[in-house]
Amino acid sequence: MKKYTIGEIAAKYHVSVPTLRYYDDAGLLPFVKRNANGQRVFTDDDLGYLEVIDCLKRSAIPLRDIRTFMEWCVQGDATLPQRYQFMIDQEQALEQRIQVLQANLAFLRWKKWYYAHANEAGTEQLFFLPNTTQVDPKWRAQYLADHD
């Protein structure tokens, strides 16, 4: 079985060596062994765990929750129900964050359109309700009609 240094793993997963050391100290890497010199040694078996940690981290899951999940993984089959429920819960949370991000992106695109047209006209006054600085709702409706 191939063995990897912490530097090789850091390069493979695009994280720093100090980050991996922090993860280990925080309990996210309970599967990692150490050699006679006390250096962390990773194996091919560890790569699947690291892939899971990388995905969970990129999904903005708190480290304490990732630590718990990794402890369950090391415990084995007895924790399969907890791990399955964890994935269900994280999937739902991630879908909710995606919906929020999609709504934010839609709003930013509307504002980009607004400013592109205001820049072209040299003023944003054309968008305002008379004698106000409030954007006339017809413009957002027009944008939505044109971009659906």
C-alpha atoms as a PDB file:
ATOM      1  CA  MET A   1       0.000   0.000   0.000  1.00  0.00           C
ATOM      2  CA  LYS A   2       1.355   3.410  -0.985  1.00  0.00           C
ATOM      3  CA  LYS A   3       2.173   5.861   1.780  1.00  0.00           C
ATOM      4  CA  TYR A   4       1.952   9.624   1.473  1.00  0.00           C
ATOM      5  CA  THR A   5       3.599  12.422   3.396  1.00  0.00           C
ATOM      6  CA  ILE A   6       1.574  15.285   4.760  1.00  0.00           C
ATOM      7  CA  GLY A   7       3.128  17.496   2.067  1.00  0.00           C
ATOM      8  CA  GLU A   8       1.931  15.189  -0.702  1.00  0.00           C
ATOM      9  CA  ILE A   9      -1.586  15.158   0.745  1.00  0.00           C
ATOM     10  CA  ALA A  10      -1.556  18.940   1.133  1.00  0.00           C
ATOM     11  CA  ALA A  11      -0.634  19.343  -2.541  1.00  0.00           C
ATOM     12  CA  LYS A  12      -3.208  16.787  -3.671  1.00  0.00           C
ATOM     13  CA  TYR A  13      -6.073  18.473  -1.790  1.00  0.00           C
ATOM     14  CA  HIS A  14      -4.866  22.057  -2.253  1.00  0.00           C
ATOM     15  CA  VAL A  15      -4.589  22.801   1.446  1.00  0.00           C
ATOM     16  CA  SER A  16      -1.593  23.844   3.485  1.00  0.00           C
ATOM     17  CA  VAL A  17       0.400  21.504   5.681  1.00  0.00           C
ATOM     18  CA  PRO A  18      -0.523  23.606   8.750  1.00  0.00           C
ATOM     19  CA  THR A  19      -4.205  23.198   7.832  1.00  0.00           C
ATOM     20  CA  LEU A  20      -3.842  19.410   7.759  1.00  0.00           C
ATOM     21  CA  ARG A  21      -2.022  19.504  11.083  1.00  0.00           C
ATOM     22  CA  TYR A  22      -4.834  21.638  12.491  1.00  0.00           C
ATOM     23  CA  TYR A  23      -7.417  19.172  11.174  1.00  0.00           C
ATOM     24  CA  ASP A  24      -5.556  16.324  12.828  1.00  0.00           C
ATOM     25  CA  ASP A  25      -5.240  18.205  16.119  1.00  0.00           C
ATOM     26  CA  ALA A  26      -8.967  19.051  15.909  1.00  0.00           C
ATOM     27  CA  GLY A  27      -9.841  15.361  15.569  1.00  0.00           C
ATOM     28  CA  LEU A  28     -10.846  15.343  11.907  1.00  0.00           C
ATOM     29  CA  LEU A  29      -8.214  12.770  10.977  1.00  0.00           C
ATOM     30  CA  PRO A  30      -8.582  10.006  13.583  1.00  0.00           C
ATOM     31  CA  PHE A  31      -7.518   7.467  10.966  1.00  0.00           C
ATOM     32  CA  VAL A  32      -4.056   8.930  10.363  1.00  0.00           C
ATOM     33  CA  LYS A  33      -1.124   6.914  11.651  1.00  0.00           C
ATOM     34  CA  ARG A  34       2.316   8.154  12.618  1.00  0.00           C
ATOM     35  CA  ASN A  35       5.681   6.671  11.768  1.00  0.00           C
ATOM     36  CA  ALA A  36       8.507   5.981  14.231  1.00  0.00           C
ATOM     37  CA  ASN A  37       9.584   9.632  14.000  1.00  0.00           C
ATOM     38  CA  GLY A  38       6.082  10.862  14.898  1.00  0.00           C
ATOM     39  CA  GLN A  39       5.354  12.123  11.388  1.00  0.00           C
ATOM     40  CA  ARG A  40       1.862  11.711   9.984  1.00  0.00           C
ATOM     41  CA  VAL A  41       1.653   9.011   7.327  1.00  0.00           C
ATOM     42  CA  PHE A  42      -1.313   8.752   4.979  1.00  0.00           C
ATOM     43  CA  THR A  43      -2.262   5.637   3.013  1.00  0.00           C
ATOM     44  CA  ASP A  44      -4.471   4.892   0.024  1.00  0.00           C
ATOM     45  CA  ASP A  45      -7.190   3.905   2.513  1.00  0.00           C
ATOM     46  CA  ASP A  46      -7.096   7.433   3.937  1.00  0.00           C
ATOM     47  CA  LEU A  47      -7.767   9.097   0.585  1.00  0.00           C
ATOM     48  CA  GLY A  48     -11.492   8.296   0.681  1.00  0.00           C
ATOM     49  CA  TYR A  49     -11.775   9.838   4.139  1.00  0.00           C
ATOM     50  CA  LEU A  50      -9.900  12.910   2.957  1.00  0.00           C
ATOM     51  CA  GLU A  51     -12.229  13.249  -0.012  1.00  0.00           C
ATOM     52  CA  VAL A  52     -15.226  13.213   2.341  1.00  0.00           C
ATOM     53  CA  ILE A  53     -13.612  15.781   4.650  1.00  0.00           C
ATOM     54  CA  ASP A  54     -12.797  18.000   1.670  1.00  0.00           C
ATOM     55  CA  CYS A  55     -16.397  17.860   0.419  1.00  0.00           C
ATOM     56  CA  LEU A  56     -17.882  18.520   3.854  1.00  0.00           C
ATOM     57  CA  LYS A  57     -15.484  21.414   4.473  1.00  0.00           C
ATOM     58  CA  ARG A  58     -16.289  22.977   1.084  1.00  0.00           C
ATOM     59  CA  SER A  59     -19.972  22.609   1.979  1.00  0.00           C
ATOM     60  CA  ALA A  60     -19.398  24.922   4.972  1.00  0.00           C
ATOM     61  CA  ILE A  61     -20.094  22.205   7.519  1.00  0.00           C
ATOM     62  CA  PRO A  62     -18.593  23.133  10.892  1.00  0.00           C
ATOM     63  CA  LEU A  63     -15.418  21.318  11.886  1.00  0.00           C
ATOM     64  CA  ARG A  64     -17.040  19.924  15.044  1.00  0.00           C
ATOM     65  CA  ASP A  65     -19.679  18.206  12.888  1.00  0.00           C
ATOM     66  CA  ILE A  66     -17.058  16.866  10.495  1.00  0.00           C
ATOM     67  CA  ARG A  67     -15.095  15.553  13.486  1.00  0.00           C
ATOM     68  CA  THR A  68     -18.177  13.726  14.764  1.00  0.00           C
ATOM     69  CA  PHE A  69     -18.817  12.257  11.323  1.00  0.00           C
ATOM     70  CA  MET A  70     -15.219  11.086  10.989  1.00  0.00           C
ATOM     71  CA  GLU A  71     -15.365   9.489  14.439  1.00  0.00           C
ATOM     72  CA  TRP A  72     -18.455   7.591  13.281  1.00  0.00           C
ATOM     73  CA  CYS A  73     -16.605   6.448  10.152  1.00  0.00           C
ATOM     74  CA  VAL A  74     -13.764   5.046  12.216  1.00  0.00           C
ATOM     75  CA  GLN A  75     -16.224   3.287  14.554  1.00  0.00           C
ATOM     76  CA  GLY A  76     -17.538   1.258  11.628  1.00  0.00           C
ATOM     77  CA  ASP A  77     -20.867  -0.234  10.642  1.00  0.00           C
ATOM     78  CA  ALA A  78     -22.557   0.387  13.988  1.00  0.00           C
ATOM     79  CA  THR A  79     -22.737   4.081  13.061  1.00  0.00           C
ATOM     80  CA  LEU A  80     -24.162   3.661   9.551  1.00  0.00           C
ATOM     81  CA  PRO A  81     -27.605   4.997  10.603  1.00  0.00           C
ATOM     82  CA  GLN A  82     -26.050   8.151  12.093  1.00  0.00           C
ATOM     83  CA  ARG A  83     -23.881   8.718   9.033  1.00  0.00           C
ATOM     84  CA  TYR A  84     -26.835   8.260   6.701  1.00  0.00           C
ATOM     85  CA  GLN A  85     -28.948  10.735   8.683  1.00  0.00           C
ATOM     86  CA  PHE A  86     -26.008  13.156   8.754  1.00  0.00           C
ATOM     87  CA  MET A  87     -25.863  13.070   4.945  1.00  0.00           C
ATOM     88  CA  ILE A  88     -29.625  13.617   4.681  1.00  0.00           C
ATOM     89  CA  ASP A  89     -29.402  16.609   7.026  1.00  0.00           C
ATOM     90  CA  GLN A  90     -26.396  18.102   5.239  1.00  0.00           C
ATOM     91  CA  GLU A  91     -28.033  17.632   1.845  1.00  0.00           C
ATOM     92  CA  GLN A  92     -31.099  19.562   3.013  1.00  0.00           C
ATOM     93  CA  ALA A  93     -28.981  22.332   4.519  1.00  0.00           C
ATOM     94  CA  LEU A  94     -26.879  22.622   1.369  1.00  0.00           C
ATOM     95  CA  GLU A  95     -29.971  22.751  -0.847  1.00  0.00           C
ATOM     96  CA  GLN A  96     -31.324  25.599   1.295  1.00  0.00           C
ATOM     97  CA  ARG A  97     -28.021  27.509   1.009  1.00  0.00           C
ATOM     98  CA  ILE A  98     -28.060  26.953  -2.760  1.00  0.00           C
ATOM     99  CA  GLN A  99     -31.566  28.433  -2.969  1.00  0.00           C
ATOM    100  CA  VAL A 100     -30.441  31.502  -1.029  1.00  0.00           C
ATOM    101  CA  LEU A 101     -27.373  31.874  -3.255  1.00  0.00           C
ATOM    102  CA  GLN A 102     -29.492  31.507  -6.398  1.00  0.00           C
ATOM    103  CA  ALA A 103     -31.837  34.246  -5.167  1.00  0.00           C
ATOM    104  CA  ASN A 104     -28.853  36.474  -4.381  1.00  0.00           C
ATOM    105  CA  LEU A 105     -27.365  35.807  -7.808  1.00  0.00           C
ATOM    106  CA  ALA A 106     -30.672  36.668  -9.495  1.00  0.00           C
ATOM    107  CA  PHE A 107     -30.825  39.959  -7.590  1.00  0.00           C
ATOM    108  CA  LEU A 108     -27.217  40.813  -8.451  1.00  0.00           C
ATOM    109  CA  ARG A 109     -27.907  40.118 -12.119  1.00  0.00           C
ATOM    110  CA  TRP A 110     -30.900  42.459 -11.983  1.00  0.00           C
ATOM    111  CA  LYS A 111     -28.706  45.171 -10.428  1.00  0.00           C
ATOM    112  CA  LYS A 112     -26.015  44.554 -13.039  1.00  0.00           C
ATOM    113  CA  TRP A 113     -28.606  45.072 -15.764  1.00  0.00           C
ATOM    114  CA  TYR A 114     -29.863  48.191 -13.981  1.00  0.00           C
ATOM    115  CA  TYR A 115     -26.387  49.726 -13.717  1.00  0.00           C
ATOM    116  CA  ALA A 116     -25.469  48.796 -17.276  1.00  0.00           C
ATOM    117  CA  HIS A 117     -28.498  50.717 -18.529  1.00  0.00           C
ATOM    118  CA  ALA A 118     -27.949  53.600 -16.104  1.00  0.00           C
ATOM    119  CA  ASN A 119     -24.321  53.871 -17.251  1.00  0.00           C
ATOM    120  CA  GLU A 120     -25.418  53.829 -20.877  1.00  0.00           C
ATOM    121  CA  ALA A 121     -27.928  56.629 -20.217  1.00  0.00           C
ATOM    122  CA  GLY A 122     -25.497  58.516 -17.997  1.00  0.00           C
ATOM    123  CA  THR A 123     -28.056  58.614 -15.187  1.00  0.00           C
ATOM    124  CA  GLU A 124     -30.213  56.337 -13.112  1.00  0.00           C
ATOM    125  CA  GLN A 125     -32.960  58.951 -12.966  1.00  0.00           C
ATOM    126  CA  LEU A 126     -34.741  57.186 -15.828  1.00  0.00           C
ATOM    127  CA  PHE A 127     -35.524  54.301 -13.450  1.00  0.00           C
ATOM    128  CA  PHE A 128     -36.975  56.370 -10.620  1.00  0.00           C
ATOM    129  CA  LEU A 129     -40.589  57.068  -9.815  1.00  0.00           C
ATOM    130  CA  PRO A 130     -41.278  60.796 -10.327  1.00  0.00           C
ATOM    131  CA  ASN A 131     -39.739  63.030  -7.664  1.00  0.00           C
ATOM    132  CA  THR A 132     -38.190  60.086  -5.737  1.00  0.00           C
ATOM    133  CA  THR A 133     -35.106  57.907  -5.726  1.00  0.00           C
ATOM    134  CA  GLN A 134     -37.241  54.766  -5.677  1.00  0.00           C
ATOM    135  CA  VAL A 135     -36.925  52.444  -8.637  1.00  0.00           C
ATOM    136  CA  ASP A 136     -40.191  52.098 -10.515  1.00  0.00           C
ATOM    137  CA  PRO A 137     -41.259  48.403 -10.186  1.00  0.00           C
ATOM    138  CA  LYS A 138     -41.987  48.292 -13.913  1.00  0.00           C
ATOM    139  CA  TRP A 139     -38.242  48.162 -14.594  1.00  0.00           C
ATOM    140  CA  ARG A 140     -37.683  45.055 -12.504  1.00  0.00           C
ATOM    141  CA  ALA A 141     -40.764  43.489 -14.104  1.00  0.00           C
ATOM    142  CA  GLN A 142     -39.351  44.313 -17.534  1.00  0.00           C
ATOM    143  CA  TYR A 143     -35.994  42.830 -16.592  1.00  0.00           C
ATOM    144  CA  LEU A 144     -37.638  39.640 -15.304  1.00  0.00           C
ATOM    145  CA  ALA A 145     -39.797  39.328 -18.422  1.00  0.00           C
ATOM    146  CA  ASP A 146     -36.733  39.700 -20.646  1.00  0.00           C
ATOM    147  CA  HIS A 147     -34.566  37.297 -18.619  1.00  0.00           C
ATOM    148  CA  ASP A 148     -36.841  34.392 -17.752  1.00  0.00           C
END
